[in-house]
Amino acid sequence: MLRYAAIFFVIALVAAVFGFGGIAAGAAGIAKILFFIFLVVFVVTLVLGLFRRT
């Protein structure tokens, strides 16, 4: 999931360089959503892993 967030971030940067503002904003929004989903899944997995050990 973090890989897809990075891919959309790169797409947003390339689109911004070439002047496609709408595409850049959309790709940046998708990258942000995927990154936050990754963070939530990471924290949940981390917490569940800590509870399994005890």
PDB file of N, CA and C in Angstrom:
ATOM      1  N   MET A   1       0.830  -1.187   0.000  1.00  0.00           N
ATOM      2  CA  MET A   1       0.000   0.000   0.000  1.00  0.00           C
ATOM      3  C   MET A   1       0.877   1.255   0.000  1.00  0.00           C
ATOM      4  N   LEU A   2       1.961   1.187   0.746  1.00  0.00           N
ATOM      5  CA  LEU A   2       2.876   2.333   0.759  1.00  0.00           C
ATOM      6  C   LEU A   2       3.497   2.527  -0.617  1.00  0.00           C
ATOM      7  N   ARG A   3       3.690   1.424  -1.324  1.00  0.00           N
ATOM      8  CA  ARG A   3       4.237   1.510  -2.686  1.00  0.00           C
ATOM      9  C   ARG A   3       3.282   2.270  -3.606  1.00  0.00           C
ATOM     10  N   TYR A   4       1.992   1.963  -3.509  1.00  0.00           N
ATOM     11  CA  TYR A   4       1.006   2.662  -4.339  1.00  0.00           C
ATOM     12  C   TYR A   4       0.919   4.141  -3.978  1.00  0.00           C
ATOM     13  N   ALA A   5       1.047   4.459  -2.701  1.00  0.00           N
ATOM     14  CA  ALA A   5       1.047   5.862  -2.287  1.00  0.00           C
ATOM     15  C   ALA A   5       2.233   6.596  -2.897  1.00  0.00           C
ATOM     16  N   ALA A   6       3.392   5.949  -2.895  1.00  0.00           N
ATOM     17  CA  ALA A   6       4.576   6.568  -3.489  1.00  0.00           C
ATOM     18  C   ALA A   6       4.422   6.739  -4.997  1.00  0.00           C
ATOM     19  N   ILE A   7       3.800   5.748  -5.648  1.00  0.00           N
ATOM     20  CA  ILE A   7       3.580   5.849  -7.099  1.00  0.00           C
ATOM     21  C   ILE A   7       2.665   7.016  -7.430  1.00  0.00           C
ATOM     22  N   PHE A   8       1.569   7.155  -6.681  1.00  0.00           N
ATOM     23  CA  PHE A   8       0.657   8.272  -6.932  1.00  0.00           C
ATOM     24  C   PHE A   8       1.316   9.614  -6.613  1.00  0.00           C
ATOM     25  N   PHE A   9       2.209   9.634  -5.626  1.00  0.00           N
ATOM     26  CA  PHE A   9       2.932  10.863  -5.312  1.00  0.00           C
ATOM     27  C   PHE A   9       3.837  11.270  -6.472  1.00  0.00           C
ATOM     28  N   VAL A  10       4.518  10.293  -7.059  1.00  0.00           N
ATOM     29  CA  VAL A  10       5.384  10.582  -8.209  1.00  0.00           C
ATOM     30  C   VAL A  10       4.545  11.045  -9.398  1.00  0.00           C
ATOM     31  N   ILE A  11       3.398  10.418  -9.606  1.00  0.00           N
ATOM     32  CA  ILE A  11       2.498  10.852 -10.685  1.00  0.00           C
ATOM     33  C   ILE A  11       2.063  12.294 -10.461  1.00  0.00           C
ATOM     34  N   ALA A  12       1.761  12.631  -9.204  1.00  0.00           N
ATOM     35  CA  ALA A  12       1.357  14.002  -8.888  1.00  0.00           C
ATOM     36  C   ALA A  12       2.486  14.988  -9.168  1.00  0.00           C
ATOM     37  N   LEU A  13       3.709  14.619  -8.825  1.00  0.00           N
ATOM     38  CA  LEU A  13       4.840  15.510  -9.083  1.00  0.00           C
ATOM     39  C   LEU A  13       5.061  15.711 -10.574  1.00  0.00           C
ATOM     40  N   VAL A  14       4.997  14.641 -11.345  1.00  0.00           N
ATOM     41  CA  VAL A  14       5.205  14.748 -12.793  1.00  0.00           C
ATOM     42  C   VAL A  14       4.091  15.577 -13.428  1.00  0.00           C
ATOM     43  N   ALA A  15       2.849  15.342 -12.997  1.00  0.00           N
ATOM     44  CA  ALA A  15       1.729  16.110 -13.544  1.00  0.00           C
ATOM     45  C   ALA A  15       1.849  17.588 -13.190  1.00  0.00           C
ATOM     46  N   ALA A  16       2.333  17.878 -11.978  1.00  0.00           N
ATOM     47  CA  ALA A  16       2.498  19.284 -11.577  1.00  0.00           C
ATOM     48  C   ALA A  16       3.584  19.959 -12.396  1.00  0.00           C
ATOM     49  N   VAL A  17       4.654  19.238 -12.692  1.00  0.00           N
ATOM     50  CA  VAL A  17       5.743  19.813 -13.492  1.00  0.00           C
ATOM     51  C   VAL A  17       5.260  20.160 -14.893  1.00  0.00           C
ATOM     52  N   PHE A  18       4.414  19.310 -15.459  1.00  0.00           N
ATOM     53  CA  PHE A  18       3.918  19.554 -16.809  1.00  0.00           C
ATOM     54  C   PHE A  18       2.690  20.455 -16.843  1.00  0.00           C
ATOM     55  N   GLY A  19       2.223  20.897 -15.680  1.00  0.00           N
ATOM     56  CA  GLY A  19       1.150  21.876 -15.644  1.00  0.00           C
ATOM     57  C   GLY A  19      -0.256  21.316 -15.592  1.00  0.00           C
ATOM     58  N   PHE A  20      -0.401  20.063 -15.325  1.00  0.00           N
ATOM     59  CA  PHE A  20      -1.734  19.470 -15.209  1.00  0.00           C
ATOM     60  C   PHE A  20      -2.174  19.543 -13.748  1.00  0.00           C
ATOM     61  N   GLY A  21      -2.729  20.672 -13.363  1.00  0.00           N
ATOM     62  CA  GLY A  21      -3.071  20.921 -11.968  1.00  0.00           C
ATOM     63  C   GLY A  21      -4.149  20.003 -11.429  1.00  0.00           C
ATOM     64  N   GLY A  22      -5.166  19.727 -12.225  1.00  0.00           N
ATOM     65  CA  GLY A  22      -6.256  18.865 -11.759  1.00  0.00           C
ATOM     66  C   GLY A  22      -5.809  17.438 -11.536  1.00  0.00           C
ATOM     67  N   ILE A  23      -5.021  16.935 -12.466  1.00  0.00           N
ATOM     68  CA  ILE A  23      -4.505  15.569 -12.330  1.00  0.00           C
ATOM     69  C   ILE A  23      -3.548  15.490 -11.145  1.00  0.00           C
ATOM     70  N   ALA A  24      -2.733  16.510 -10.977  1.00  0.00           N
ATOM     71  CA  ALA A  24      -1.784  16.524  -9.866  1.00  0.00           C
ATOM     72  C   ALA A  24      -2.511  16.547  -8.528  1.00  0.00           C
ATOM     73  N   ALA A  25      -3.559  17.341  -8.434  1.00  0.00           N
ATOM     74  CA  ALA A  25      -4.316  17.409  -7.183  1.00  0.00           C
ATOM     75  C   ALA A  25      -5.018  16.085  -6.903  1.00  0.00           C
ATOM     76  N   GLY A  26      -5.564  15.471  -7.922  1.00  0.00           N
ATOM     77  CA  GLY A  26      -6.224  14.179  -7.737  1.00  0.00           C
ATOM     78  C   GLY A  26      -5.256  13.095  -7.313  1.00  0.00           C
ATOM     79  N   ALA A  27      -4.106  13.025  -7.964  1.00  0.00           N
ATOM     80  CA  ALA A  27      -3.110  12.010  -7.618  1.00  0.00           C
ATOM     81  C   ALA A  27      -2.548  12.254  -6.222  1.00  0.00           C
ATOM     82  N   ALA A  28      -2.363  13.517  -5.854  1.00  0.00           N
ATOM     83  CA  ALA A  28      -1.871  13.820  -4.510  1.00  0.00           C
ATOM     84  C   ALA A  28      -2.909  13.442  -3.461  1.00  0.00           C
ATOM     85  N   GLY A  29      -4.173  13.660  -3.757  1.00  0.00           N
ATOM     86  CA  GLY A  29      -5.235  13.270  -2.825  1.00  0.00           C
ATOM     87  C   GLY A  29      -5.294  11.763  -2.637  1.00  0.00           C
ATOM     88  N   ILE A  30      -5.172  11.022  -3.724  1.00  0.00           N
ATOM     89  CA  ILE A  30      -5.165   9.558  -3.631  1.00  0.00           C
ATOM     90  C   ILE A  30      -3.948   9.088  -2.841  1.00  0.00           C
ATOM     91  N   ALA A  31      -2.794   9.691  -3.091  1.00  0.00           N
ATOM     92  CA  ALA A  31      -1.579   9.316  -2.364  1.00  0.00           C
ATOM     93  C   ALA A  31      -1.738   9.584  -0.870  1.00  0.00           C
ATOM     94  N   LYS A  32      -2.356  10.692  -0.525  1.00  0.00           N
ATOM     95  CA  LYS A  32      -2.554  11.027   0.889  1.00  0.00           C
ATOM     96  C   LYS A  32      -3.491  10.021   1.563  1.00  0.00           C
ATOM     97  N   ILE A  33      -4.577   9.669   0.890  1.00  0.00           N
ATOM     98  CA  ILE A  33      -5.519   8.696   1.451  1.00  0.00           C
ATOM     99  C   ILE A  33      -4.847   7.341   1.637  1.00  0.00           C
ATOM    100  N   LEU A  34      -4.107   6.880   0.637  1.00  0.00           N
ATOM    101  CA  LEU A  34      -3.417   5.591   0.747  1.00  0.00           C
ATOM    102  C   LEU A  34      -2.376   5.601   1.853  1.00  0.00           C
ATOM    103  N   PHE A  35      -1.690   6.718   2.030  1.00  0.00           N
ATOM    104  CA  PHE A  35      -0.690   6.806   3.088  1.00  0.00           C
ATOM    105  C   PHE A  35      -1.339   6.722   4.458  1.00  0.00           C
ATOM    106  N   PHE A  36      -2.469   7.401   4.654  1.00  0.00           N
ATOM    107  CA  PHE A  36      -3.135   7.341   5.954  1.00  0.00           C
ATOM    108  C   PHE A  36      -3.733   5.963   6.221  1.00  0.00           C
ATOM    109  N   ILE A  37      -4.223   5.302   5.191  1.00  0.00           N
ATOM    110  CA  ILE A  37      -4.698   3.929   5.359  1.00  0.00           C
ATOM    111  C   ILE A  37      -3.537   3.024   5.754  1.00  0.00           C
ATOM    112  N   PHE A  38      -2.376   3.228   5.124  1.00  0.00           N
ATOM    113  CA  PHE A  38      -1.190   2.462   5.494  1.00  0.00           C
ATOM    114  C   PHE A  38      -0.827   2.690   6.956  1.00  0.00           C
ATOM    115  N   LEU A  39      -0.870   3.933   7.407  1.00  0.00           N
ATOM    116  CA  LEU A  39      -0.536   4.225   8.801  1.00  0.00           C
ATOM    117  C   LEU A  39      -1.494   3.538   9.764  1.00  0.00           C
ATOM    118  N   VAL A  40      -2.779   3.563   9.468  1.00  0.00           N
ATOM    119  CA  VAL A  40      -3.769   2.929  10.332  1.00  0.00           C
ATOM    120  C   VAL A  40      -3.534   1.421  10.388  1.00  0.00           C
ATOM    121  N   VAL A  41      -3.322   0.801   9.244  1.00  0.00           N
ATOM    122  CA  VAL A  41      -3.084  -0.643   9.211  1.00  0.00           C
ATOM    123  C   VAL A  41      -1.794  -0.986   9.949  1.00  0.00           C
ATOM    124  N   PHE A  42      -0.766  -0.173   9.801  1.00  0.00           N
ATOM    125  CA  PHE A  42       0.493  -0.403  10.495  1.00  0.00           C
ATOM    126  C   PHE A  42       0.325  -0.336  12.006  1.00  0.00           C
ATOM    127  N   VAL A  43      -0.378   0.679  12.488  1.00  0.00           N
ATOM    128  CA  VAL A  43      -0.579   0.828  13.935  1.00  0.00           C
ATOM    129  C   VAL A  43      -1.424  -0.318  14.481  1.00  0.00           C
ATOM    130  N   VAL A  44      -2.476  -0.700  13.774  1.00  0.00           N
ATOM    131  CA  VAL A  44      -3.318  -1.809  14.233  1.00  0.00           C
ATOM    132  C   VAL A  44      -2.502  -3.096  14.286  1.00  0.00           C
ATOM    133  N   THR A  45      -1.702  -3.351  13.277  1.00  0.00           N
ATOM    134  CA  THR A  45      -0.871  -4.545  13.266  1.00  0.00           C
ATOM    135  C   THR A  45       0.152  -4.516  14.393  1.00  0.00           C
ATOM    136  N   LEU A  46       0.717  -3.364  14.644  1.00  0.00           N
ATOM    137  CA  LEU A  46       1.685  -3.217  15.717  1.00  0.00           C
ATOM    138  C   LEU A  46       1.049  -3.495  17.075  1.00  0.00           C
ATOM    139  N   VAL A  47      -0.124  -2.937  17.316  1.00  0.00           N
ATOM    140  CA  VAL A  47      -0.818  -3.138  18.587  1.00  0.00           C
ATOM    141  C   VAL A  47      -1.232  -4.594  18.755  1.00  0.00           C
ATOM    142  N   LEU A  48      -1.765  -5.198  17.701  1.00  0.00           N
ATOM    143  CA  LEU A  48      -2.158  -6.608  17.786  1.00  0.00           C
ATOM    144  C   LEU A  48      -0.942  -7.502  18.022  1.00  0.00           C
ATOM    145  N   GLY A  49       0.171  -7.182  17.451  1.00  0.00           N
ATOM    146  CA  GLY A  49       1.397  -7.941  17.681  1.00  0.00           C
ATOM    147  C   GLY A  49       1.875  -7.830  19.116  1.00  0.00           C
ATOM    148  N   LEU A  50       1.712  -6.663  19.717  1.00  0.00           N
ATOM    149  CA  LEU A  50       2.100  -6.495  21.119  1.00  0.00           C
ATOM    150  C   LEU A  50       1.171  -7.273  22.050  1.00  0.00           C
ATOM    151  N   PHE A  51      -0.108  -7.318  21.721  1.00  0.00           N
ATOM    152  CA  PHE A  51      -1.053  -8.044  22.570  1.00  0.00           C
ATOM    153  C   PHE A  51      -0.881  -9.556  22.444  1.00  0.00           C
ATOM    154  N   ARG A  52      -0.425 -10.035  21.317  1.00  0.00           N
ATOM    155  CA  ARG A  52      -0.219 -11.473  21.131  1.00  0.00           C
ATOM    156  C   ARG A  52       0.932 -11.994  21.967  1.00  0.00           C
ATOM    157  N   ARG A  53       1.929 -11.181  22.174  1.00  0.00           N
ATOM    158  CA  ARG A  53       3.104 -11.616  22.930  1.00  0.00           C
ATOM    159  C   ARG A  53       2.784 -11.812  24.402  1.00  0.00           C
ATOM    160  N   THR A  54       1.809 -11.068  24.906  1.00  0.00           N
ATOM    161  CA  THR A  54       1.496 -11.186  26.343  1.00  0.00           C
ATOM    162  C   THR A  54       0.356 -12.110  26.614  1.00  0.00           C
TER     163      THR A  54
END
